[in-house]
């Protein structure tokens, strides 16, 4: 039962993101700005999702990315940057734990934070600056994504997953009851048919032999 529940939960949890990825793969020009998760578990990895869609894909653009971190009651500091086509990790408490997973078109400029600790809780800011090169002029655009990260020592049960488990138990109980009713109904129907057939055969055998020629042989109804 636990295996079935885990499989069903994973299907629901990963089904929607996979569907979105398939749609993005089929329509390469489509960019969906998906918000990042904000809860992490100590000792696990956390994806800091930052997607900044480019509005004019046919225009050549130079993209620079800066990732900042601001602890609670602290100052903001630069922890990662992407300049001149190269990602670079800066000296910070996250040194050696940040991994660049940005896409080639730089619409996805996300990071993976490895081995999350309790002290990593705070605000992450993704700053994306693009310079669009038109024939006659250049135009710069800036977008920001903020992620208020909360790190817990153990994974907390999500309300959606709890509700999913309850619905699964209700569905299993309903299917079991329905199957039981079907078995009882079929058993009673077969038993009744056998009783009718037995009575017909008994009545036929009770008829005198000289009258059996004009008496039809009982046939079991299908």
C-alpha atoms as a PDB file:
ATOM      1  CA  UNK A   1       0.000   0.000   0.000  1.00  0.00           C
ATOM      2  CA  UNK A   2       2.822   2.411   0.870  1.00  0.00           C
ATOM      3  CA  UNK A   3       4.484   1.714  -2.479  1.00  0.00           C
ATOM      4  CA  UNK A   4       1.230   2.451  -4.335  1.00  0.00           C
ATOM      5  CA  UNK A   5       0.741   5.670  -2.359  1.00  0.00           C
ATOM      6  CA  UNK A   6       4.311   6.829  -2.997  1.00  0.00           C
ATOM      7  CA  UNK A   7       4.045   6.070  -6.721  1.00  0.00           C
ATOM      8  CA  UNK A   8       0.738   7.895  -7.022  1.00  0.00           C
ATOM      9  CA  UNK A   9       2.035  10.897  -5.083  1.00  0.00           C
ATOM     10  CA  UNK A  10       5.177  11.122  -7.243  1.00  0.00           C
ATOM     11  CA  UNK A  11       3.035  10.918 -10.375  1.00  0.00           C
ATOM     12  CA  UNK A  12       0.908  13.844  -9.218  1.00  0.00           C
ATOM     13  CA  UNK A  13       3.898  15.819  -7.950  1.00  0.00           C
ATOM     14  CA  UNK A  14       6.039  15.434 -11.062  1.00  0.00           C
ATOM     15  CA  UNK A  15       3.283  15.132 -13.664  1.00  0.00           C
ATOM     16  CA  UNK A  16       2.586  18.862 -14.038  1.00  0.00           C
ATOM     17  CA  UNK A  17       6.259  19.996 -14.270  1.00  0.00           C
ATOM     18  CA  UNK A  18       6.985  17.256 -16.825  1.00  0.00           C
ATOM     19  CA  UNK A  19       3.959  18.338 -18.854  1.00  0.00           C
ATOM     20  CA  UNK A  20       5.223  21.917 -18.836  1.00  0.00           C
ATOM     21  CA  UNK A  21       8.679  20.780 -19.930  1.00  0.00           C
ATOM     22  CA  UNK A  22       7.142  18.785 -22.795  1.00  0.00           C
ATOM     23  CA  UNK A  23       5.188  21.822 -23.928  1.00  0.00           C
ATOM     24  CA  UNK A  24       8.316  23.962 -23.768  1.00  0.00           C
ATOM     25  CA  UNK A  25      10.227  21.322 -25.749  1.00  0.00           C
ATOM     26  CA  UNK A  26       7.583  21.168 -28.473  1.00  0.00           C
ATOM     27  CA  UNK A  27       7.206  24.940 -28.692  1.00  0.00           C
ATOM     28  CA  UNK A  28      10.746  26.198 -28.195  1.00  0.00           C
ATOM     29  CA  UNK A  29       9.661  29.844 -28.482  1.00  0.00           C
ATOM     30  CA  UNK A  30       7.405  29.545 -25.422  1.00  0.00           C
ATOM     31  CA  UNK A  31       8.758  30.762 -22.081  1.00  0.00           C
ATOM     32  CA  UNK A  32       6.822  30.191 -18.872  1.00  0.00           C
ATOM     33  CA  UNK A  33       7.803  32.188 -15.793  1.00  0.00           C
ATOM     34  CA  UNK A  34       7.339  29.566 -13.063  1.00  0.00           C
ATOM     35  CA  UNK A  35       7.750  30.773  -9.459  1.00  0.00           C
ATOM     36  CA  UNK A  36      10.437  29.147  -7.366  1.00  0.00           C
ATOM     37  CA  UNK A  37       9.843  26.993  -4.322  1.00  0.00           C
ATOM     38  CA  UNK A  38      10.493  28.651  -0.975  1.00  0.00           C
ATOM     39  CA  UNK A  39      10.888  25.699   1.427  1.00  0.00           C
ATOM     40  CA  UNK A  40      13.998  23.548   1.753  1.00  0.00           C
ATOM     41  CA  UNK A  41      15.108  20.716   4.041  1.00  0.00           C
ATOM     42  CA  UNK A  42      18.423  20.687   5.859  1.00  0.00           C
ATOM     43  CA  UNK A  43      21.001  18.486   4.127  1.00  0.00           C
ATOM     44  CA  UNK A  44      19.083  18.368   0.824  1.00  0.00           C
ATOM     45  CA  UNK A  45      19.581  20.312  -2.400  1.00  0.00           C
ATOM     46  CA  UNK A  46      17.384  23.271  -3.327  1.00  0.00           C
ATOM     47  CA  UNK A  47      16.724  24.705  -6.795  1.00  0.00           C
ATOM     48  CA  UNK A  48      16.605  28.488  -6.754  1.00  0.00           C
ATOM     49  CA  UNK A  49      14.411  28.960  -9.794  1.00  0.00           C
ATOM     50  CA  UNK A  50      14.753  32.185 -11.781  1.00  0.00           C
ATOM     51  CA  UNK A  51      13.104  32.398 -15.198  1.00  0.00           C
ATOM     52  CA  UNK A  52      13.089  35.718 -17.020  1.00  0.00           C
ATOM     53  CA  UNK A  53      11.425  35.470 -20.428  1.00  0.00           C
ATOM     54  CA  UNK A  54      12.860  37.499 -23.267  1.00  0.00           C
ATOM     55  CA  UNK A  55      10.115  39.422 -25.067  1.00  0.00           C
ATOM     56  CA  UNK A  56      11.942  39.921 -28.381  1.00  0.00           C
ATOM     57  CA  UNK A  57      13.706  36.661 -29.200  1.00  0.00           C
ATOM     58  CA  UNK A  58      14.528  37.741 -32.752  1.00  0.00           C
ATOM     59  CA  UNK A  59      16.690  40.574 -31.391  1.00  0.00           C
ATOM     60  CA  UNK A  60      20.292  39.953 -30.352  1.00  0.00           C
ATOM     61  CA  UNK A  61      20.731  40.541 -26.629  1.00  0.00           C
ATOM     62  CA  UNK A  62      23.540  40.515 -24.094  1.00  0.00           C
ATOM     63  CA  UNK A  63      22.426  39.112 -20.744  1.00  0.00           C
ATOM     64  CA  UNK A  64      24.077  39.633 -17.374  1.00  0.00           C
ATOM     65  CA  UNK A  65      22.848  37.907 -14.227  1.00  0.00           C
ATOM     66  CA  UNK A  66      23.521  38.668 -10.585  1.00  0.00           C
ATOM     67  CA  UNK A  67      22.436  36.600  -7.602  1.00  0.00           C
ATOM     68  CA  UNK A  68      22.277  38.307  -4.203  1.00  0.00           C
ATOM     69  CA  UNK A  69      21.667  36.946  -0.722  1.00  0.00           C
ATOM     70  CA  UNK A  70      20.269  38.865   2.223  1.00  0.00           C
ATOM     71  CA  UNK A  71      20.056  37.122   5.614  1.00  0.00           C
ATOM     72  CA  UNK A  72      17.430  38.090   8.138  1.00  0.00           C
ATOM     73  CA  UNK A  73      18.380  41.394   9.729  1.00  0.00           C
ATOM     74  CA  UNK A  74      21.464  41.540   7.525  1.00  0.00           C
ATOM     75  CA  UNK A  75      22.890  43.276   4.461  1.00  0.00           C
ATOM     76  CA  UNK A  76      22.588  42.114   0.894  1.00  0.00           C
ATOM     77  CA  UNK A  77      25.702  40.666  -0.745  1.00  0.00           C
ATOM     78  CA  UNK A  78      26.576  39.381  -4.232  1.00  0.00           C
ATOM     79  CA  UNK A  79      27.081  35.580  -4.251  1.00  0.00           C
ATOM     80  CA  UNK A  80      26.993  34.627  -7.959  1.00  0.00           C
ATOM     81  CA  UNK A  81      27.162  36.314 -11.339  1.00  0.00           C
ATOM     82  CA  UNK A  82      27.000  35.508 -15.041  1.00  0.00           C
ATOM     83  CA  UNK A  83      28.933  37.970 -17.202  1.00  0.00           C
ATOM     84  CA  UNK A  84      30.419  37.744 -20.687  1.00  0.00           C
ATOM     85  CA  UNK A  85      29.095  34.236 -21.174  1.00  0.00           C
ATOM     86  CA  UNK A  86      30.732  32.809 -18.043  1.00  0.00           C
ATOM     87  CA  UNK A  87      29.195  31.899 -14.672  1.00  0.00           C
ATOM     88  CA  UNK A  88      31.267  32.827 -11.634  1.00  0.00           C
ATOM     89  CA  UNK A  89      30.795  31.956  -7.985  1.00  0.00           C
ATOM     90  CA  UNK A  90      31.885  34.670  -5.559  1.00  0.00           C
ATOM     91  CA  UNK A  91      33.297  34.419  -2.055  1.00  0.00           C
ATOM     92  CA  UNK A  92      30.372  33.910   0.313  1.00  0.00           C
ATOM     93  CA  UNK A  93      28.982  31.415   2.863  1.00  0.00           C
ATOM     94  CA  UNK A  94      27.686  29.491  -0.196  1.00  0.00           C
ATOM     95  CA  UNK A  95      31.094  29.120  -1.823  1.00  0.00           C
ATOM     96  CA  UNK A  96      31.405  25.636  -3.350  1.00  0.00           C
ATOM     97  CA  UNK A  97      27.695  24.870  -2.969  1.00  0.00           C
ATOM     98  CA  UNK A  98      26.206  26.852  -5.869  1.00  0.00           C
ATOM     99  CA  UNK A  99      25.737  25.232  -9.277  1.00  0.00           C
ATOM    100  CA  UNK A 100      24.702  27.126 -12.426  1.00  0.00           C
ATOM    101  CA  UNK A 101      21.901  25.383 -14.390  1.00  0.00           C
ATOM    102  CA  UNK A 102      20.921  28.235 -16.700  1.00  0.00           C
ATOM    103  CA  UNK A 103      19.684  27.512 -20.223  1.00  0.00           C
ATOM    104  CA  UNK A 104      21.567  28.404 -23.415  1.00  0.00           C
ATOM    105  CA  UNK A 105      19.116  31.166 -24.310  1.00  0.00           C
ATOM    106  CA  UNK A 106      19.515  32.576 -20.763  1.00  0.00           C
ATOM    107  CA  UNK A 107      15.802  32.732 -20.148  1.00  0.00           C
ATOM    108  CA  UNK A 108      16.337  30.254 -17.322  1.00  0.00           C
ATOM    109  CA  UNK A 109      19.130  31.500 -15.049  1.00  0.00           C
ATOM    110  CA  UNK A 110      18.529  29.218 -12.064  1.00  0.00           C
ATOM    111  CA  UNK A 111      20.949  27.905  -9.451  1.00  0.00           C
ATOM    112  CA  UNK A 112      21.128  24.754  -7.338  1.00  0.00           C
ATOM    113  CA  UNK A 113      22.089  25.229  -3.715  1.00  0.00           C
ATOM    114  CA  UNK A 114      23.706  22.009  -2.473  1.00  0.00           C
ATOM    115  CA  UNK A 115      23.606  20.674   1.090  1.00  0.00           C
ATOM    116  CA  UNK A 116      21.238  23.283   2.486  1.00  0.00           C
ATOM    117  CA  UNK A 117      21.796  24.368   6.107  1.00  0.00           C
ATOM    118  CA  UNK A 118      19.529  26.093   8.617  1.00  0.00           C
ATOM    119  CA  UNK A 119      21.589  29.282   8.345  1.00  0.00           C
ATOM    120  CA  UNK A 120      20.793  29.479   4.605  1.00  0.00           C
ATOM    121  CA  UNK A 121      17.327  30.835   5.391  1.00  0.00           C
ATOM    122  CA  UNK A 122      16.904  34.306   3.998  1.00  0.00           C
ATOM    123  CA  UNK A 123      16.132  36.240   0.841  1.00  0.00           C
ATOM    124  CA  UNK A 124      17.721  35.377  -2.525  1.00  0.00           C
ATOM    125  CA  UNK A 125      17.477  37.985  -5.275  1.00  0.00           C
ATOM    126  CA  UNK A 126      17.946  37.163  -8.955  1.00  0.00           C
ATOM    127  CA  UNK A 127      18.761  40.269 -11.000  1.00  0.00           C
ATOM    128  CA  UNK A 128      18.646  39.870 -14.817  1.00  0.00           C
ATOM    129  CA  UNK A 129      19.851  42.702 -17.043  1.00  0.00           C
ATOM    130  CA  UNK A 130      19.481  42.491 -20.834  1.00  0.00           C
ATOM    131  CA  UNK A 131      20.774  44.875 -23.474  1.00  0.00           C
ATOM    132  CA  UNK A 132      18.792  44.510 -26.692  1.00  0.00           C
ATOM    133  CA  UNK A 133      20.737  45.479 -29.817  1.00  0.00           C
ATOM    134  CA  UNK A 134      18.490  47.003 -32.466  1.00  0.00           C
ATOM    135  CA  UNK A 135      19.732  48.386 -35.794  1.00  0.00           C
ATOM    136  CA  UNK A 136      19.566  52.004 -34.689  1.00  0.00           C
ATOM    137  CA  UNK A 137      19.832  51.851 -30.912  1.00  0.00           C
ATOM    138  CA  UNK A 138      20.230  49.717 -27.820  1.00  0.00           C
ATOM    139  CA  UNK A 139      17.657  49.148 -25.113  1.00  0.00           C
ATOM    140  CA  UNK A 140      18.264  47.770 -21.612  1.00  0.00           C
ATOM    141  CA  UNK A 141      15.714  45.899 -19.487  1.00  0.00           C
ATOM    142  CA  UNK A 142      15.982  44.698 -15.907  1.00  0.00           C
ATOM    143  CA  UNK A 143      13.933  42.102 -14.042  1.00  0.00           C
ATOM    144  CA  UNK A 144      14.134  40.843 -10.473  1.00  0.00           C
ATOM    145  CA  UNK A 145      12.991  37.630  -8.823  1.00  0.00           C
ATOM    146  CA  UNK A 146      12.962  37.328  -5.030  1.00  0.00           C
ATOM    147  CA  UNK A 147      12.925  34.006  -3.172  1.00  0.00           C
ATOM    148  CA  UNK A 148      12.275  34.027   0.575  1.00  0.00           C
ATOM    149  CA  UNK A 149      13.850  30.709   1.521  1.00  0.00           C
ATOM    150  CA  UNK A 150      12.786  28.876   4.681  1.00  0.00           C
ATOM    151  CA  UNK A 151      14.911  25.907   5.780  1.00  0.00           C
ATOM    152  CA  UNK A 152      13.513  23.278   8.168  1.00  0.00           C
ATOM    153  CA  UNK A 153      15.286  20.408   9.915  1.00  0.00           C
ATOM    154  CA  UNK A 154      12.810  17.761   8.708  1.00  0.00           C
ATOM    155  CA  UNK A 155      10.481  17.594   5.755  1.00  0.00           C
ATOM    156  CA  UNK A 156       7.003  18.786   6.643  1.00  0.00           C
ATOM    157  CA  UNK A 157       3.879  17.128   5.343  1.00  0.00           C
ATOM    158  CA  UNK A 158       2.252  19.281   2.731  1.00  0.00           C
ATOM    159  CA  UNK A 159      -1.523  19.758   3.032  1.00  0.00           C
ATOM    160  CA  UNK A 160      -1.928  18.729  -0.593  1.00  0.00           C
ATOM    161  CA  UNK A 161      -0.110  15.436  -0.041  1.00  0.00           C
ATOM    162  CA  UNK A 162      -2.164  14.698   3.095  1.00  0.00           C
ATOM    163  CA  UNK A 163      -5.381  15.404   1.200  1.00  0.00           C
ATOM    164  CA  UNK A 164      -4.163  13.183  -1.646  1.00  0.00           C
ATOM    165  CA  UNK A 165      -3.551  10.313   0.764  1.00  0.00           C
ATOM    166  CA  UNK A 166      -7.036  10.703   2.267  1.00  0.00           C
ATOM    167  CA  UNK A 167      -8.632  10.711  -1.193  1.00  0.00           C
ATOM    168  CA  UNK A 168      -6.625   7.620  -2.138  1.00  0.00           C
ATOM    169  CA  UNK A 169      -7.840   5.715   0.949  1.00  0.00           C
ATOM    170  CA  UNK A 170     -11.442   6.735   0.214  1.00  0.00           C
ATOM    171  CA  UNK A 171     -11.079   5.599  -3.406  1.00  0.00           C
ATOM    172  CA  UNK A 172      -9.571   2.249  -2.356  1.00  0.00           C
ATOM    173  CA  UNK A 173     -12.377   1.697   0.179  1.00  0.00           C
ATOM    174  CA  UNK A 174     -15.015   2.501  -2.446  1.00  0.00           C
ATOM    175  CA  UNK A 175     -13.455   0.141  -5.007  1.00  0.00           C
ATOM    176  CA  UNK A 176     -13.199  -2.646  -2.430  1.00  0.00           C
ATOM    177  CA  UNK A 177     -16.857  -2.231  -1.434  1.00  0.00           C
ATOM    178  CA  UNK A 178     -17.974  -2.118  -5.075  1.00  0.00           C
ATOM    179  CA  UNK A 179     -15.997  -5.292  -5.854  1.00  0.00           C
ATOM    180  CA  UNK A 180     -17.513  -7.070  -2.838  1.00  0.00           C
ATOM    181  CA  UNK A 181     -21.053  -6.123  -3.908  1.00  0.00           C
ATOM    182  CA  UNK A 182     -20.380  -7.378  -7.444  1.00  0.00           C
ATOM    183  CA  UNK A 183     -19.071 -10.721  -6.148  1.00  0.00           C
ATOM    184  CA  UNK A 184     -22.099 -11.223  -3.866  1.00  0.00           C
ATOM    185  CA  UNK A 185     -24.515 -10.264  -6.662  1.00  0.00           C
ATOM    186  CA  UNK A 186     -22.923 -12.660  -9.155  1.00  0.00           C
ATOM    187  CA  UNK A 187     -22.820 -15.471  -6.601  1.00  0.00           C
ATOM    188  CA  UNK A 188     -26.522 -15.079  -5.771  1.00  0.00           C
ATOM    189  CA  UNK A 189     -27.448 -14.911  -9.455  1.00  0.00           C
ATOM    190  CA  UNK A 190     -25.538 -18.112 -10.243  1.00  0.00           C
ATOM    191  CA  UNK A 191     -27.003 -19.904  -7.186  1.00  0.00           C
ATOM    192  CA  UNK A 192     -30.537 -18.924  -8.180  1.00  0.00           C
ATOM    193  CA  UNK A 193     -29.995 -20.158 -11.741  1.00  0.00           C
ATOM    194  CA  UNK A 194     -28.686 -23.492 -10.436  1.00  0.00           C
ATOM    195  CA  UNK A 195     -31.726 -23.885  -8.138  1.00  0.00           C
ATOM    196  CA  UNK A 196     -34.137 -23.243 -11.026  1.00  0.00           C
ATOM    197  CA  UNK A 197     -32.308 -25.773 -13.214  1.00  0.00           C
ATOM    198  CA  UNK A 198     -32.329 -28.397 -10.449  1.00  0.00           C
ATOM    199  CA  UNK A 199     -36.056 -27.927  -9.866  1.00  0.00           C
ATOM    200  CA  UNK A 200     -36.766 -28.279 -13.584  1.00  0.00           C
ATOM    201  CA  UNK A 201     -34.756 -31.500 -13.816  1.00  0.00           C
ATOM    202  CA  UNK A 202     -36.503 -32.924 -10.718  1.00  0.00           C
ATOM    203  CA  UNK A 203     -39.934 -32.120 -12.161  1.00  0.00           C
ATOM    204  CA  UNK A 204     -38.986 -33.726 -15.468  1.00  0.00           C
ATOM    205  CA  UNK A 205     -37.786 -36.930 -13.792  1.00  0.00           C
ATOM    206  CA  UNK A 206     -41.041 -37.131 -11.844  1.00  0.00           C
ATOM    207  CA  UNK A 207     -43.123 -37.332 -15.050  1.00  0.00           C
ATOM    208  CA  UNK A 208     -44.151 -40.915 -16.035  1.00  0.00           C
ATOM    209  CA  UNK A 209     -42.075 -42.358 -18.854  1.00  0.00           C
ATOM    210  CA  UNK A 210     -45.059 -42.729 -21.195  1.00  0.00           C
ATOM    211  CA  UNK A 211     -45.650 -38.948 -20.994  1.00  0.00           C
ATOM    212  CA  UNK A 212     -42.018 -37.818 -21.487  1.00  0.00           C
ATOM    213  CA  UNK A 213     -42.244 -38.069 -25.271  1.00  0.00           C
ATOM    214  CA  UNK A 214     -44.622 -35.095 -25.378  1.00  0.00           C
ATOM    215  CA  UNK A 215     -42.782 -33.176 -22.660  1.00  0.00           C
ATOM    216  CA  UNK A 216     -39.997 -30.844 -23.645  1.00  0.00           C
ATOM    217  CA  UNK A 217     -36.658 -31.410 -22.026  1.00  0.00           C
ATOM    218  CA  UNK A 218     -35.832 -28.528 -19.710  1.00  0.00           C
ATOM    219  CA  UNK A 219     -33.119 -26.308 -21.071  1.00  0.00           C
ATOM    220  CA  UNK A 220     -31.046 -24.064 -18.850  1.00  0.00           C
ATOM    221  CA  UNK A 221     -31.546 -20.422 -19.644  1.00  0.00           C
ATOM    222  CA  UNK A 222     -28.386 -18.574 -20.565  1.00  0.00           C
END
